[in-house]
Each structure stands twice: as C-alpha cells, then as structure tokens.
Amino acid sequence: MISKVYEVDPLFYPFCGGQMSLISFIEEPKVIDRIIGHLELTFEEERPLPPKVLHQELMMAAEERGEYF
C-alpha cells in the first residue's frame, strides 16, 4: 500500500541500494504496546490541530450527517 500511495519502495535501502525483506510481523497488542512504551512513542497528537483544519473536519462531518450550521 505504501508503494502505491507514495510511489516509493519501502523495502529499498537508499544508503547501499539493497533490498530489505520482512522476517516477521508482530500482531499481539501487548507486545506492540511494550515496544511502543520502550521507544517512548505515543499515538496522541503532539499538538492540537489548527483551528482551520478542525473547522473543516466539523463541516465535513456535518455534511455527511445532513446537518448544517
């Protein structure tokens, strides 16, 4: 999906021109949470959306439900 959307090969290693390969998938939520915690990452936004973007999202949601301001 990444290669189709962004038109880049996510497994291409640009420093040496080699091709990476996947060796496994991590599917267990507890393991994923431990890795994310260890790396001190979060799924939360670091800063709030700009008011213009928030307003656009509210308008789009209202249009989908047939509501108008």
PDB file of N, CA and C in Angstrom:
ATOM      1  N   MET A   1       0.820  -1.180   0.000  1.00  0.00           N
ATOM      2  CA  MET A   1       0.000   0.000   0.000  1.00  0.00           C
ATOM      3  C   MET A   1       0.876   1.260   0.000  1.00  0.00           C
ATOM      4  N   ILE A   2       1.945   1.245   0.766  1.00  0.00           N
ATOM      5  CA  ILE A   2       2.843   2.407   0.805  1.00  0.00           C
ATOM      6  C   ILE A   2       3.414   2.689  -0.575  1.00  0.00           C
ATOM      7  N   SER A   3       3.811   1.639  -1.276  1.00  0.00           N
ATOM      8  CA  SER A   3       4.409   1.854  -2.599  1.00  0.00           C
ATOM      9  C   SER A   3       3.387   2.397  -3.598  1.00  0.00           C
ATOM     10  N   LYS A   4       2.123   2.006  -3.456  1.00  0.00           N
ATOM     11  CA  LYS A   4       1.098   2.511  -4.368  1.00  0.00           C
ATOM     12  C   LYS A   4       0.737   3.956  -4.072  1.00  0.00           C
ATOM     13  N   VAL A   5       0.599   4.290  -2.797  1.00  0.00           N
ATOM     14  CA  VAL A   5       0.176   5.637  -2.419  1.00  0.00           C
ATOM     15  C   VAL A   5       1.299   6.648  -2.606  1.00  0.00           C
ATOM     16  N   TYR A   6       2.487   6.329  -2.098  1.00  0.00           N
ATOM     17  CA  TYR A   6       3.590   7.289  -2.126  1.00  0.00           C
ATOM     18  C   TYR A   6       4.565   7.068  -3.279  1.00  0.00           C
ATOM     19  N   GLU A   7       4.348   6.026  -4.053  1.00  0.00           N
ATOM     20  CA  GLU A   7       5.181   5.697  -5.204  1.00  0.00           C
ATOM     21  C   GLU A   7       6.658   5.552  -4.839  1.00  0.00           C
ATOM     22  N   VAL A   8       6.903   4.899  -3.703  1.00  0.00           N
ATOM     23  CA  VAL A   8       8.263   4.574  -3.270  1.00  0.00           C
ATOM     24  C   VAL A   8       8.254   3.136  -2.756  1.00  0.00           C
ATOM     25  N   ASP A   9       9.385   2.487  -2.851  1.00  0.00           N
ATOM     26  CA  ASP A   9       9.506   1.128  -2.346  1.00  0.00           C
ATOM     27  C   ASP A   9       9.973   1.200  -0.892  1.00  0.00           C
ATOM     28  N   PRO A  10       9.115   0.841   0.084  1.00  0.00           N
ATOM     29  CA  PRO A  10       9.503   0.954   1.487  1.00  0.00           C
ATOM     30  C   PRO A  10      10.587  -0.042   1.907  1.00  0.00           C
ATOM     31  N   LEU A  11      10.877  -1.018   1.076  1.00  0.00           N
ATOM     32  CA  LEU A  11      11.891  -2.010   1.412  1.00  0.00           C
ATOM     33  C   LEU A  11      13.227  -1.735   0.723  1.00  0.00           C
ATOM     34  N   PHE A  12      13.314  -0.635  -0.012  1.00  0.00           N
ATOM     35  CA  PHE A  12      14.563  -0.252  -0.667  1.00  0.00           C
ATOM     36  C   PHE A  12      15.421   0.521   0.324  1.00  0.00           C
ATOM     37  N   TYR A  13      16.661   0.108   0.512  1.00  0.00           N
ATOM     38  CA  TYR A  13      17.567   0.765   1.437  1.00  0.00           C
ATOM     39  C   TYR A  13      18.431   1.744   0.659  1.00  0.00           C
ATOM     40  N   PRO A  14      18.188   3.056   0.794  1.00  0.00           N
ATOM     41  CA  PRO A  14      18.856   4.043  -0.062  1.00  0.00           C
ATOM     42  C   PRO A  14      20.365   4.181   0.161  1.00  0.00           C
ATOM     43  N   PHE A  15      20.880   3.821   1.322  1.00  0.00           N
ATOM     44  CA  PHE A  15      22.302   4.029   1.591  1.00  0.00           C
ATOM     45  C   PHE A  15      23.204   3.080   0.807  1.00  0.00           C
ATOM     46  N   CYS A  16      22.739   1.848   0.620  1.00  0.00           N
ATOM     47  CA  CYS A  16      23.583   0.899  -0.116  1.00  0.00           C
ATOM     48  C   CYS A  16      22.904   0.383  -1.382  1.00  0.00           C
ATOM     49  N   GLY A  17      21.639   0.757  -1.578  1.00  0.00           N
ATOM     50  CA  GLY A  17      20.916   0.307  -2.759  1.00  0.00           C
ATOM     51  C   GLY A  17      20.383  -1.102  -2.639  1.00  0.00           C
ATOM     52  N   GLY A  18      20.473  -1.678  -1.453  1.00  0.00           N
ATOM     53  CA  GLY A  18      19.998  -3.042  -1.232  1.00  0.00           C
ATOM     54  C   GLY A  18      18.500  -3.124  -1.024  1.00  0.00           C
ATOM     55  N   GLN A  19      18.011  -4.331  -0.981  1.00  0.00           N
ATOM     56  CA  GLN A  19      16.599  -4.591  -0.788  1.00  0.00           C
ATOM     57  C   GLN A  19      16.405  -5.261   0.568  1.00  0.00           C
ATOM     58  N   MET A  20      15.583  -4.657   1.430  1.00  0.00           N
ATOM     59  CA  MET A  20      15.278  -5.252   2.721  1.00  0.00           C
ATOM     60  C   MET A  20      14.171  -6.284   2.539  1.00  0.00           C
ATOM     61  N   SER A  21      14.040  -7.154   3.499  1.00  0.00           N
ATOM     62  CA  SER A  21      12.954  -8.126   3.454  1.00  0.00           C
ATOM     63  C   SER A  21      12.323  -8.229   4.832  1.00  0.00           C
ATOM     64  N   LEU A  22      11.056  -8.563   4.865  1.00  0.00           N
ATOM     65  CA  LEU A  22      10.348  -8.746   6.127  1.00  0.00           C
ATOM     66  C   LEU A  22      10.667 -10.132   6.664  1.00  0.00           C
ATOM     67  N   ILE A  23      10.942 -10.198   7.954  1.00  0.00           N
ATOM     68  CA  ILE A  23      11.220 -11.511   8.540  1.00  0.00           C
ATOM     69  C   ILE A  23      10.126 -11.936   9.507  1.00  0.00           C
ATOM     70  N   SER A  24       9.301 -10.978   9.964  1.00  0.00           N
ATOM     71  CA  SER A  24       8.189 -11.348  10.837  1.00  0.00           C
ATOM     72  C   SER A  24       7.230 -10.176  10.988  1.00  0.00           C
ATOM     73  N   PHE A  25       6.040 -10.487  11.490  1.00  0.00           N
ATOM     74  CA  PHE A  25       5.033  -9.497  11.815  1.00  0.00           C
ATOM     75  C   PHE A  25       4.732  -9.622  13.301  1.00  0.00           C
ATOM     76  N   ILE A  26       4.577  -8.501  13.959  1.00  0.00           N
ATOM     77  CA  ILE A  26       4.178  -8.511  15.363  1.00  0.00           C
ATOM     78  C   ILE A  26       2.697  -8.187  15.392  1.00  0.00           C
ATOM     79  N   GLU A  27       1.898  -9.127  15.868  1.00  0.00           N
ATOM     80  CA  GLU A  27       0.450  -8.954  15.846  1.00  0.00           C
ATOM     81  C   GLU A  27      -0.172  -8.875  17.235  1.00  0.00           C
ATOM     82  N   GLU A  28       0.542  -9.263  18.275  1.00  0.00           N
ATOM     83  CA  GLU A  28      -0.019  -9.280  19.617  1.00  0.00           C
ATOM     84  C   GLU A  28      -0.021  -7.874  20.206  1.00  0.00           C
ATOM     85  N   PRO A  29      -1.199  -7.356  20.561  1.00  0.00           N
ATOM     86  CA  PRO A  29      -1.295  -5.994  21.082  1.00  0.00           C
ATOM     87  C   PRO A  29      -0.405  -5.734  22.304  1.00  0.00           C
ATOM     88  N   LYS A  30      -0.284  -6.689  23.204  1.00  0.00           N
ATOM     89  CA  LYS A  30       0.543  -6.487  24.398  1.00  0.00           C
ATOM     90  C   LYS A  30       2.010  -6.283  24.017  1.00  0.00           C
ATOM     91  N   VAL A  31       2.487  -7.039  23.051  1.00  0.00           N
ATOM     92  CA  VAL A  31       3.879  -6.911  22.605  1.00  0.00           C
ATOM     93  C   VAL A  31       4.083  -5.570  21.924  1.00  0.00           C
ATOM     94  N   ILE A  32       3.136  -5.170  21.092  1.00  0.00           N
ATOM     95  CA  ILE A  32       3.218  -3.880  20.408  1.00  0.00           C
ATOM     96  C   ILE A  32       3.234  -2.748  21.427  1.00  0.00           C
ATOM     97  N   ASP A  33       2.371  -2.829  22.440  1.00  0.00           N
ATOM     98  CA  ASP A  33       2.337  -1.796  23.474  1.00  0.00           C
ATOM     99  C   ASP A  33       3.659  -1.711  24.226  1.00  0.00           C
ATOM    100  N   ARG A  34       4.279  -2.849  24.513  1.00  0.00           N
ATOM    101  CA  ARG A  34       5.571  -2.839  25.205  1.00  0.00           C
ATOM    102  C   ARG A  34       6.647  -2.176  24.352  1.00  0.00           C
ATOM    103  N   ILE A  35       6.656  -2.469  23.064  1.00  0.00           N
ATOM    104  CA  ILE A  35       7.646  -1.865  22.163  1.00  0.00           C
ATOM    105  C   ILE A  35       7.441  -0.361  22.086  1.00  0.00           C
ATOM    106  N   ILE A  36       6.189   0.070  21.912  1.00  0.00           N
ATOM    107  CA  ILE A  36       5.890   1.499  21.818  1.00  0.00           C
ATOM    108  C   ILE A  36       6.272   2.207  23.115  1.00  0.00           C
ATOM    109  N   GLY A  37       5.976   1.579  24.259  1.00  0.00           N
ATOM    110  CA  GLY A  37       6.352   2.157  25.550  1.00  0.00           C
ATOM    111  C   GLY A  37       7.859   2.251  25.700  1.00  0.00           C
ATOM    112  N   HIS A  38       8.581   1.204  25.301  1.00  0.00           N
ATOM    113  CA  HIS A  38      10.037   1.205  25.403  1.00  0.00           C
ATOM    114  C   HIS A  38      10.661   2.304  24.545  1.00  0.00           C
ATOM    115  N   LEU A  39      10.091   2.541  23.378  1.00  0.00           N
ATOM    116  CA  LEU A  39      10.600   3.573  22.479  1.00  0.00           C
ATOM    117  C   LEU A  39      10.091   4.970  22.846  1.00  0.00           C
ATOM    118  N   GLU A  40       9.270   5.020  23.902  1.00  0.00           N
ATOM    119  CA  GLU A  40       8.679   6.276  24.373  1.00  0.00           C
ATOM    120  C   GLU A  40       7.901   6.987  23.269  1.00  0.00           C
ATOM    121  N   LEU A  41       7.145   6.204  22.510  1.00  0.00           N
ATOM    122  CA  LEU A  41       6.288   6.741  21.466  1.00  0.00           C
ATOM    123  C   LEU A  41       4.860   6.818  21.981  1.00  0.00           C
ATOM    124  N   THR A  42       4.016   7.539  21.277  1.00  0.00           N
ATOM    125  CA  THR A  42       2.626   7.657  21.669  1.00  0.00           C
ATOM    126  C   THR A  42       1.763   7.772  20.417  1.00  0.00           C
ATOM    127  N   PHE A  43       0.483   7.468  20.577  1.00  0.00           N
ATOM    128  CA  PHE A  43      -0.457   7.624  19.475  1.00  0.00           C
ATOM    129  C   PHE A  43      -1.171   8.964  19.559  1.00  0.00           C
ATOM    130  N   GLU A  44      -0.879   9.744  20.590  1.00  0.00           N
ATOM    131  CA  GLU A  44      -1.534  11.022  20.778  1.00  0.00           C
ATOM    132  C   GLU A  44      -0.829  12.098  19.948  1.00  0.00           C
ATOM    133  N   GLU A  45      -1.605  13.082  19.527  1.00  0.00           N
ATOM    134  CA  GLU A  45      -1.037  14.193  18.775  1.00  0.00           C
ATOM    135  C   GLU A  45      -0.156  15.016  19.703  1.00  0.00           C
ATOM    136  N   GLU A  46       0.966  15.475  19.182  1.00  0.00           N
ATOM    137  CA  GLU A  46       1.863  16.284  19.991  1.00  0.00           C
ATOM    138  C   GLU A  46       1.307  17.683  20.223  1.00  0.00           C
ATOM    139  N   ARG A  47       0.547  18.168  19.286  1.00  0.00           N
ATOM    140  CA  ARG A  47      -0.069  19.482  19.445  1.00  0.00           C
ATOM    141  C   ARG A  47      -1.448  19.445  18.788  1.00  0.00           C
ATOM    142  N   PRO A  48      -2.350  20.296  19.225  1.00  0.00           N
ATOM    143  CA  PRO A  48      -3.709  20.266  18.657  1.00  0.00           C
ATOM    144  C   PRO A  48      -3.726  20.711  17.200  1.00  0.00           C
ATOM    145  N   LEU A  49      -4.773  20.310  16.506  1.00  0.00           N
ATOM    146  CA  LEU A  49      -4.949  20.719  15.118  1.00  0.00           C
ATOM    147  C   LEU A  49      -5.172  22.219  15.027  1.00  0.00           C
ATOM    148  N   PRO A  50      -4.726  22.823  13.935  1.00  0.00           N
ATOM    149  CA  PRO A  50      -5.004  24.253  13.749  1.00  0.00           C
ATOM    150  C   PRO A  50      -6.512  24.473  13.660  1.00  0.00           C
ATOM    151  N   PRO A  51      -7.006  25.622  14.107  1.00  0.00           N
ATOM    152  CA  PRO A  51      -8.454  25.875  14.092  1.00  0.00           C
ATOM    153  C   PRO A  51      -9.086  25.686  12.717  1.00  0.00           C
ATOM    154  N   LYS A  52      -8.394  26.071  11.636  1.00  0.00           N
ATOM    155  CA  LYS A  52      -8.963  25.943  10.291  1.00  0.00           C
ATOM    156  C   LYS A  52      -9.216  24.477   9.941  1.00  0.00           C
ATOM    157  N   VAL A  53      -8.261  23.604  10.255  1.00  0.00           N
ATOM    158  CA  VAL A  53      -8.410  22.179   9.957  1.00  0.00           C
ATOM    159  C   VAL A  53      -9.533  21.592  10.781  1.00  0.00           C
ATOM    160  N   LEU A  54      -9.604  21.951  12.065  1.00  0.00           N
ATOM    161  CA  LEU A  54     -10.661  21.456  12.937  1.00  0.00           C
ATOM    162  C   LEU A  54     -12.021  21.893  12.413  1.00  0.00           C
ATOM    163  N   HIS A  55     -12.143  23.155  11.986  1.00  0.00           N
ATOM    164  CA  HIS A  55     -13.400  23.662  11.437  1.00  0.00           C
ATOM    165  C   HIS A  55     -13.796  22.882  10.178  1.00  0.00           C
ATOM    166  N   GLN A  56     -12.831  22.613   9.298  1.00  0.00           N
ATOM    167  CA  GLN A  56     -13.118  21.861   8.074  1.00  0.00           C
ATOM    168  C   GLN A  56     -13.605  20.458   8.403  1.00  0.00           C
ATOM    169  N   GLU A  57     -12.984  19.809   9.393  1.00  0.00           N
ATOM    170  CA  GLU A  57     -13.402  18.464   9.774  1.00  0.00           C
ATOM    171  C   GLU A  57     -14.823  18.470  10.334  1.00  0.00           C
ATOM    172  N   LEU A  58     -15.162  19.475  11.140  1.00  0.00           N
ATOM    173  CA  LEU A  58     -16.513  19.574  11.674  1.00  0.00           C
ATOM    174  C   LEU A  58     -17.535  19.784  10.565  1.00  0.00           C
ATOM    175  N   MET A  59     -17.200  20.619   9.598  1.00  0.00           N
ATOM    176  CA  MET A  59     -18.111  20.866   8.479  1.00  0.00           C
ATOM    177  C   MET A  59     -18.320  19.614   7.646  1.00  0.00           C
ATOM    178  N   MET A  60     -17.245  18.865   7.401  1.00  0.00           N
ATOM    179  CA  MET A  60     -17.359  17.633   6.620  1.00  0.00           C
ATOM    180  C   MET A  60     -18.211  16.615   7.361  1.00  0.00           C
ATOM    181  N   ALA A  61     -18.027  16.494   8.669  1.00  0.00           N
ATOM    182  CA  ALA A  61     -18.820  15.557   9.456  1.00  0.00           C
ATOM    183  C   ALA A  61     -20.290  15.954   9.435  1.00  0.00           C
ATOM    184  N   ALA A  62     -20.579  17.248   9.520  1.00  0.00           N
ATOM    185  CA  ALA A  62     -21.956  17.723   9.484  1.00  0.00           C
ATOM    186  C   ALA A  62     -22.596  17.439   8.134  1.00  0.00           C
ATOM    187  N   GLU A  63     -21.845  17.629   7.056  1.00  0.00           N
ATOM    188  CA  GLU A  63     -22.374  17.357   5.721  1.00  0.00           C
ATOM    189  C   GLU A  63     -22.710  15.883   5.553  1.00  0.00           C
ATOM    190  N   GLU A  64     -21.870  15.015   6.090  1.00  0.00           N
ATOM    191  CA  GLU A  64     -22.114  13.580   5.978  1.00  0.00           C
ATOM    192  C   GLU A  64     -23.421  13.188   6.678  1.00  0.00           C
ATOM    193  N   ARG A  65     -23.734  13.873   7.774  1.00  0.00           N
ATOM    194  CA  ARG A  65     -24.952  13.555   8.529  1.00  0.00           C
ATOM    195  C   ARG A  65     -26.143  14.377   8.054  1.00  0.00           C
ATOM    196  N   GLY A  66     -25.937  15.279   7.114  1.00  0.00           N
ATOM    197  CA  GLY A  66     -27.024  16.108   6.628  1.00  0.00           C
ATOM    198  C   GLY A  66     -27.344  17.270   7.547  1.00  0.00           C
ATOM    199  N   GLU A  67     -26.423  17.615   8.436  1.00  0.00           N
ATOM    200  CA  GLU A  67     -26.616  18.736   9.346  1.00  0.00           C
ATOM    201  C   GLU A  67     -25.907  19.962   8.776  1.00  0.00           C
ATOM    202  N   TYR A  68     -26.444  21.107   9.071  1.00  0.00           N
ATOM    203  CA  TYR A  68     -25.809  22.337   8.604  1.00  0.00           C
ATOM    204  C   TYR A  68     -25.789  23.320   9.749  1.00  0.00           C
ATOM    205  N   PHE A  69     -24.733  24.129   9.804  1.00  0.00           N
ATOM    206  CA  PHE A  69     -24.601  25.135  10.857  1.00  0.00           C
ATOM    207  C   PHE A  69     -25.294  26.403  10.453  1.00  0.00           C
TER     208      PHE A  69
END
